[in-house]
PDB file of N, CA and C in Angstrom:
ATOM      1  N   MET A   1      15.646  -3.081  25.216  1.00  0.00           N
ATOM      2  CA  MET A   1      14.951  -2.416  25.912  1.00  0.00           C
ATOM      3  C   MET A   1      15.788  -1.328  27.187  1.00  0.00           C
ATOM      4  N   SER A   2      17.378  -2.286  27.052  1.00  0.00           N
ATOM      5  CA  SER A   2      17.984  -1.179  28.417  1.00  0.00           C
ATOM      6  C   SER A   2      18.325   0.209  27.744  1.00  0.00           C
ATOM      7  N   ARG A   3      18.526   0.174  26.376  1.00  0.00           N
ATOM      8  CA  ARG A   3      18.914   1.492  25.816  1.00  0.00           C
ATOM      9  C   ARG A   3      17.604   2.743  25.789  1.00  0.00           C
ATOM     10  N   TRP A   4      16.500   2.064  25.421  1.00  0.00           N
ATOM     11  CA  TRP A   4      15.184   2.759  25.882  1.00  0.00           C
ATOM     12  C   TRP A   4      15.425   3.482  26.964  1.00  0.00           C
ATOM     13  N   LEU A   5      15.398   2.483  28.320  1.00  0.00           N
ATOM     14  CA  LEU A   5      15.241   3.251  29.641  1.00  0.00           C
ATOM     15  C   LEU A   5      16.606   4.127  29.825  1.00  0.00           C
ATOM     16  N   ALA A   6      17.536   3.913  29.028  1.00  0.00           N
ATOM     17  CA  ALA A   6      18.668   4.625  29.414  1.00  0.00           C
ATOM     18  C   ALA A   6      18.359   6.371  28.561  1.00  0.00           C
ATOM     19  N   ARG A   7      17.670   6.227  27.568  1.00  0.00           N
ATOM     20  CA  ARG A   7      17.492   7.297  26.794  1.00  0.00           C
ATOM     21  C   ARG A   7      16.343   8.106  27.456  1.00  0.00           C
ATOM     22  N   ILE A   8      15.311   7.228  28.178  1.00  0.00           N
ATOM     23  CA  ILE A   8      14.367   8.049  28.854  1.00  0.00           C
ATOM     24  C   ILE A   8      15.107   8.844  30.598  1.00  0.00           C
ATOM     25  N   ALA A   9      16.053   7.890  30.711  1.00  0.00           N
ATOM     26  CA  ALA A   9      16.570   8.266  32.262  1.00  0.00           C
ATOM     27  C   ALA A   9      17.289   9.894  31.897  1.00  0.00           C
ATOM     28  N   ALA A  10      18.060   9.912  30.599  1.00  0.00           N
ATOM     29  CA  ALA A  10      19.067  10.611  30.160  1.00  0.00           C
ATOM     30  C   ALA A  10      17.967  12.198  29.824  1.00  0.00           C
ATOM     31  N   THR A  11      16.619  11.651  29.569  1.00  0.00           N
ATOM     32  CA  THR A  11      16.003  12.852  28.960  1.00  0.00           C
ATOM     33  C   THR A  11      15.578  13.557  30.648  1.00  0.00           C
ATOM     34  N   VAL A  12      15.035  12.518  31.507  1.00  0.00           N
ATOM     35  CA  VAL A  12      14.432  13.288  32.796  1.00  0.00           C
ATOM     36  C   VAL A  12      15.597  14.103  33.434  1.00  0.00           C
ATOM     37  N   ARG A  13      16.979  13.307  33.136  1.00  0.00           N
ATOM     38  CA  ARG A  13      17.647  14.167  34.078  1.00  0.00           C
ATOM     39  C   ARG A  13      17.824  15.600  33.035  1.00  0.00           C
ATOM     40  N   ARG A  14      17.865  15.823  31.850  1.00  0.00           N
ATOM     41  CA  ARG A  14      17.959  16.914  31.187  1.00  0.00           C
ATOM     42  C   ARG A  14      16.790  18.145  31.706  1.00  0.00           C
ATOM     43  N   ILE A  15      15.535  17.342  31.765  1.00  0.00           N
ATOM     44  CA  ILE A  15      14.412  18.123  32.348  1.00  0.00           C
ATOM     45  C   ILE A  15      14.552  18.488  33.395  1.00  0.00           C
ATOM     46  N   ILE A  16      15.048  17.852  34.607  1.00  0.00           N
ATOM     47  CA  ILE A  16      15.130  18.434  35.816  1.00  0.00           C
ATOM     48  C   ILE A  16      16.479  18.926  36.197  1.00  0.00           C
ATOM     49  N   GLY A  17      17.375  19.108  35.272  1.00  0.00           N
ATOM     50  CA  GLY A  17      18.782  19.809  35.260  1.00  0.00           C
ATOM     51  C   GLY A  17      19.564  18.869  35.868  1.00  0.00           C
ATOM     52  N   ALA A  18      19.328  17.646  36.311  1.00  0.00           N
ATOM     53  CA  ALA A  18      20.731  17.113  36.946  1.00  0.00           C
ATOM     54  C   ALA A  18      21.826  16.750  35.663  1.00  0.00           C
ATOM     55  N   PRO A  19      22.847  16.841  36.243  1.00  0.00           N
ATOM     56  CA  PRO A  19      24.250  16.500  35.527  1.00  0.00           C
ATOM     57  C   PRO A  19      24.327  14.925  35.225  1.00  0.00           C
ATOM     58  N   ASP A  20      24.659  14.774  34.047  1.00  0.00           N
ATOM     59  CA  ASP A  20      24.871  13.719  33.296  1.00  0.00           C
ATOM     60  C   ASP A  20      26.505  13.118  33.122  1.00  0.00           C
ATOM     61  N   TYR A  21      26.568  12.337  33.830  1.00  0.00           N
ATOM     62  CA  TYR A  21      28.234  11.852  33.851  1.00  0.00           C
ATOM     63  C   TYR A  21      28.528  11.363  32.771  1.00  0.00           C
ATOM     64  N   ALA A  22      27.568  10.221  31.969  1.00  0.00           N
ATOM     65  CA  ALA A  22      27.704   9.478  31.035  1.00  0.00           C
ATOM     66  C   ALA A  22      28.184  10.540  29.873  1.00  0.00           C
ATOM     67  N   THR A  23      27.221  11.328  29.709  1.00  0.00           N
ATOM     68  CA  THR A  23      27.708  12.661  28.650  1.00  0.00           C
ATOM     69  C   THR A  23      28.739  13.041  28.664  1.00  0.00           C
ATOM     70  N   TYR A  24      29.135  13.523  29.898  1.00  0.00           N
ATOM     71  CA  TYR A  24      30.483  14.433  30.263  1.00  0.00           C
ATOM     72  C   TYR A  24      31.686  13.376  29.809  1.00  0.00           C
ATOM     73  N   LEU A  25      31.405  12.241  30.273  1.00  0.00           N
ATOM     74  CA  LEU A  25      32.577  11.005  29.633  1.00  0.00           C
ATOM     75  C   LEU A  25      33.021  10.942  28.340  1.00  0.00           C
ATOM     76  N   ALA A  26      31.732  10.883  27.923  1.00  0.00           N
ATOM     77  CA  ALA A  26      31.883  10.698  26.371  1.00  0.00           C
ATOM     78  C   ALA A  26      32.452  11.892  25.718  1.00  0.00           C
ATOM     79  N   HIS A  27      31.924  13.105  25.925  1.00  0.00           N
ATOM     80  CA  HIS A  27      32.491  14.220  25.652  1.00  0.00           C
ATOM     81  C   HIS A  27      34.031  14.372  25.866  1.00  0.00           C
ATOM     82  N   HIS A  28      34.255  14.019  27.016  1.00  0.00           N
ATOM     83  CA  HIS A  28      35.839  14.120  27.453  1.00  0.00           C
ATOM     84  C   HIS A  28      36.544  13.067  27.039  1.00  0.00           C
ATOM     85  N   ARG A  29      36.174  12.051  26.467  1.00  0.00           N
ATOM     86  CA  ARG A  29      36.913  11.043  25.392  1.00  0.00           C
ATOM     87  C   ARG A  29      37.297  11.681  24.466  1.00  0.00           C
ATOM     88  N   ALA A  30      36.208  12.393  23.438  1.00  0.00           N
ATOM     89  CA  ALA A  30      36.350  12.632  22.266  1.00  0.00           C
ATOM     90  C   ALA A  30      37.114  13.840  22.145  1.00  0.00           C
ATOM     91  N   CYS A  31      36.924  14.738  22.983  1.00  0.00           N
ATOM     92  CA  CYS A  31      37.425  16.067  23.039  1.00  0.00           C
ATOM     93  C   CYS A  31      38.785  16.250  23.774  1.00  0.00           C
ATOM     94  N   HIS A  32      39.124  15.271  25.027  1.00  0.00           N
ATOM     95  CA  HIS A  32      40.195  15.788  25.660  1.00  0.00           C
ATOM     96  C   HIS A  32      40.936  14.524  25.848  1.00  0.00           C
ATOM     97  N   PRO A  33      41.205  13.633  24.904  1.00  0.00           N
ATOM     98  CA  PRO A  33      41.502  12.537  25.265  1.00  0.00           C
ATOM     99  C   PRO A  33      43.081  12.265  26.266  1.00  0.00           C
ATOM    100  N   GLY A  34      43.725  13.278  26.168  1.00  0.00           N
ATOM    101  CA  GLY A  34      45.117  12.830  26.850  1.00  0.00           C
ATOM    102  C   GLY A  34      44.990  13.246  28.688  1.00  0.00           C
ATOM    103  N   ARG A  35      43.704  13.848  28.702  1.00  0.00           N
ATOM    104  CA  ARG A  35      43.451  14.412  30.059  1.00  0.00           C
ATOM    105  C   ARG A  35      42.689  13.590  31.060  1.00  0.00           C
ATOM    106  N   ALA A  36      42.837  12.891  32.316  1.00  0.00           N
ATOM    107  CA  ALA A  36      42.011  12.380  32.982  1.00  0.00           C
ATOM    108  C   ALA A  36      40.660  12.888  33.342  1.00  0.00           C
ATOM    109  N   PRO A  37      39.585  12.452  33.168  1.00  0.00           N
ATOM    110  CA  PRO A  37      38.069  13.085  33.327  1.00  0.00           C
ATOM    111  C   PRO A  37      38.145  13.071  35.165  1.00  0.00           C
ATOM    112  N   MET A  38      37.133  13.901  35.337  1.00  0.00           N
ATOM    113  CA  MET A  38      36.734  14.107  36.872  1.00  0.00           C
ATOM    114  C   MET A  38      35.991  12.885  37.361  1.00  0.00           C
ATOM    115  N   ASP A  39      36.136  12.394  38.742  1.00  0.00           N
ATOM    116  CA  ASP A  39      35.223  11.383  39.205  1.00  0.00           C
ATOM    117  C   ASP A  39      33.624  11.966  39.073  1.00  0.00           C
ATOM    118  N   GLU A  40      32.981  10.921  39.300  1.00  0.00           N
ATOM    119  CA  GLU A  40      31.704  11.035  39.203  1.00  0.00           C
ATOM    120  C   GLU A  40      30.974  12.454  40.379  1.00  0.00           C
ATOM    121  N   ALA A  41      31.654  12.153  41.601  1.00  0.00           N
ATOM    122  CA  ALA A  41      31.371  13.032  42.872  1.00  0.00           C
ATOM    123  C   ALA A  41      32.215  14.402  42.563  1.00  0.00           C
ATOM    124  N   THR A  42      32.985  14.441  41.924  1.00  0.00           N
ATOM    125  CA  THR A  42      33.461  15.838  41.670  1.00  0.00           C
ATOM    126  C   THR A  42      32.819  16.687  40.692  1.00  0.00           C
ATOM    127  N   PHE A  43      32.537  16.004  39.718  1.00  0.00           N
ATOM    128  CA  PHE A  43      31.556  16.299  38.532  1.00  0.00           C
ATOM    129  C   PHE A  43      30.285  16.739  38.961  1.00  0.00           C
ATOM    130  N   VAL A  44      29.497  16.293  39.353  1.00  0.00           N
ATOM    131  CA  VAL A  44      28.385  16.562  39.995  1.00  0.00           C
ATOM    132  C   VAL A  44      28.219  17.479  41.013  1.00  0.00           C
ATOM    133  N   ALA A  45      29.436  17.789  41.752  1.00  0.00           N
ATOM    134  CA  ALA A  45      29.494  18.708  42.796  1.00  0.00           C
ATOM    135  C   ALA A  45      30.007  19.955  41.944  1.00  0.00           C
ATOM    136  N   GLU A  46      30.850  20.208  40.973  1.00  0.00           N
ATOM    137  CA  GLU A  46      31.063  21.230  40.186  1.00  0.00           C
ATOM    138  C   GLU A  46      29.992  21.649  39.473  1.00  0.00           C
ATOM    139  N   ARG A  47      29.243  20.746  38.771  1.00  0.00           N
ATOM    140  CA  ARG A  47      28.060  21.348  37.857  1.00  0.00           C
ATOM    141  C   ARG A  47      27.012  21.564  38.527  1.00  0.00           C
ATOM    142  N   LEU A  48      26.823  21.253  39.997  1.00  0.00           N
ATOM    143  CA  LEU A  48      25.716  21.986  40.856  1.00  0.00           C
ATOM    144  C   LEU A  48      26.429  23.351  41.155  1.00  0.00           C
ATOM    145  N   SER A  49      27.531  23.409  41.451  1.00  0.00           N
ATOM    146  CA  SER A  49      28.056  24.861  42.051  1.00  0.00           C
ATOM    147  C   SER A  49      28.010  25.889  41.025  1.00  0.00           C
ATOM    148  N   ALA A  50      28.312  25.334  39.914  1.00  0.00           N
ATOM    149  CA  ALA A  50      28.307  26.438  38.769  1.00  0.00           C
ATOM    150  C   ALA A  50      26.887  26.764  38.564  1.00  0.00           C
ATOM    151  N   ARG A  51      26.011  25.862  38.860  1.00  0.00           N
ATOM    152  CA  ARG A  51      24.319  26.273  38.521  1.00  0.00           C
ATOM    153  C   ARG A  51      23.705  27.077  39.501  1.00  0.00           C
ATOM    154  N   TYR A  52      24.095  26.855  40.831  1.00  0.00           N
ATOM    155  CA  TYR A  52      23.473  27.690  41.906  1.00  0.00           C
ATOM    156  C   TYR A  52      24.507  28.822  42.243  1.00  0.00           C
ATOM    157  N   GLU A  53      25.296  28.986  41.954  1.00  0.00           N
ATOM    158  CA  GLU A  53      26.409  29.879  42.588  1.00  0.00           C
ATOM    159  C   GLU A  53      26.321  31.449  41.664  1.00  0.00           C
ATOM    160  N   ARG A  54      25.519  31.426  40.671  1.00  0.00           N
ATOM    161  CA  ARG A  54      25.572  32.437  39.959  1.00  0.00           C
ATOM    162  C   ARG A  54      24.405  33.033  40.195  1.00  0.00           C
ATOM    163  N   PRO A  55      24.459  34.328  40.820  1.00  0.00           N
ATOM    164  CA  PRO A  55      23.000  34.702  41.382  1.00  0.00           C
ATOM    165  C   PRO A  55      22.275  35.246  39.928  1.00  0.00           C
ATOM    166  N   GLY A  56      20.993  35.307  39.705  1.00  0.00           N
ATOM    167  CA  GLY A  56      20.156  35.654  38.498  1.00  0.00           C
ATOM    168  C   GLY A  56      20.047  34.957  37.539  1.00  0.00           C
ATOM    169  N   SER A  57      20.719  33.561  37.941  1.00  0.00           N
ATOM    170  CA  SER A  57      20.689  32.527  36.588  1.00  0.00           C
ATOM    171  C   SER A  57      19.679  31.665  36.593  1.00  0.00           C
ATOM    172  N   ARG A  58      18.474  31.948  37.830  1.00  0.00           N
ATOM    173  CA  ARG A  58      17.277  31.038  37.738  1.00  0.00           C
ATOM    174  C   ARG A  58      16.240  32.078  37.893  1.00  0.00           C
ATOM    175  N   CYS A  59      15.061  31.502  37.216  1.00  0.00           N
ATOM    176  CA  CYS A  59      14.105  32.540  37.233  1.00  0.00           C
ATOM    177  C   CYS A  59      13.291  32.894  38.325  1.00  0.00           C
ATOM    178  N   CYS A  60      13.298  31.814  39.579  1.00  0.00           N
ATOM    179  CA  CYS A  60      12.736  31.905  40.671  1.00  0.00           C
ATOM    180  C   CYS A  60      13.597  32.198  42.062  1.00  0.00           C
TER     181      CYS A  60
END
């Protein structure tokens, strides 16, 4: 049941565009094993900054 809820939560985060720290950590472990990952607060701030600082990247 908890896996099901985790998948629903991940889907909702993707739909609303919220950053997914767990996915980032999995990617980081697989692709960058020798480097330390960002902490969650830094990750969220960086993702939101990247999303909203580019003019013209949104439809509204």
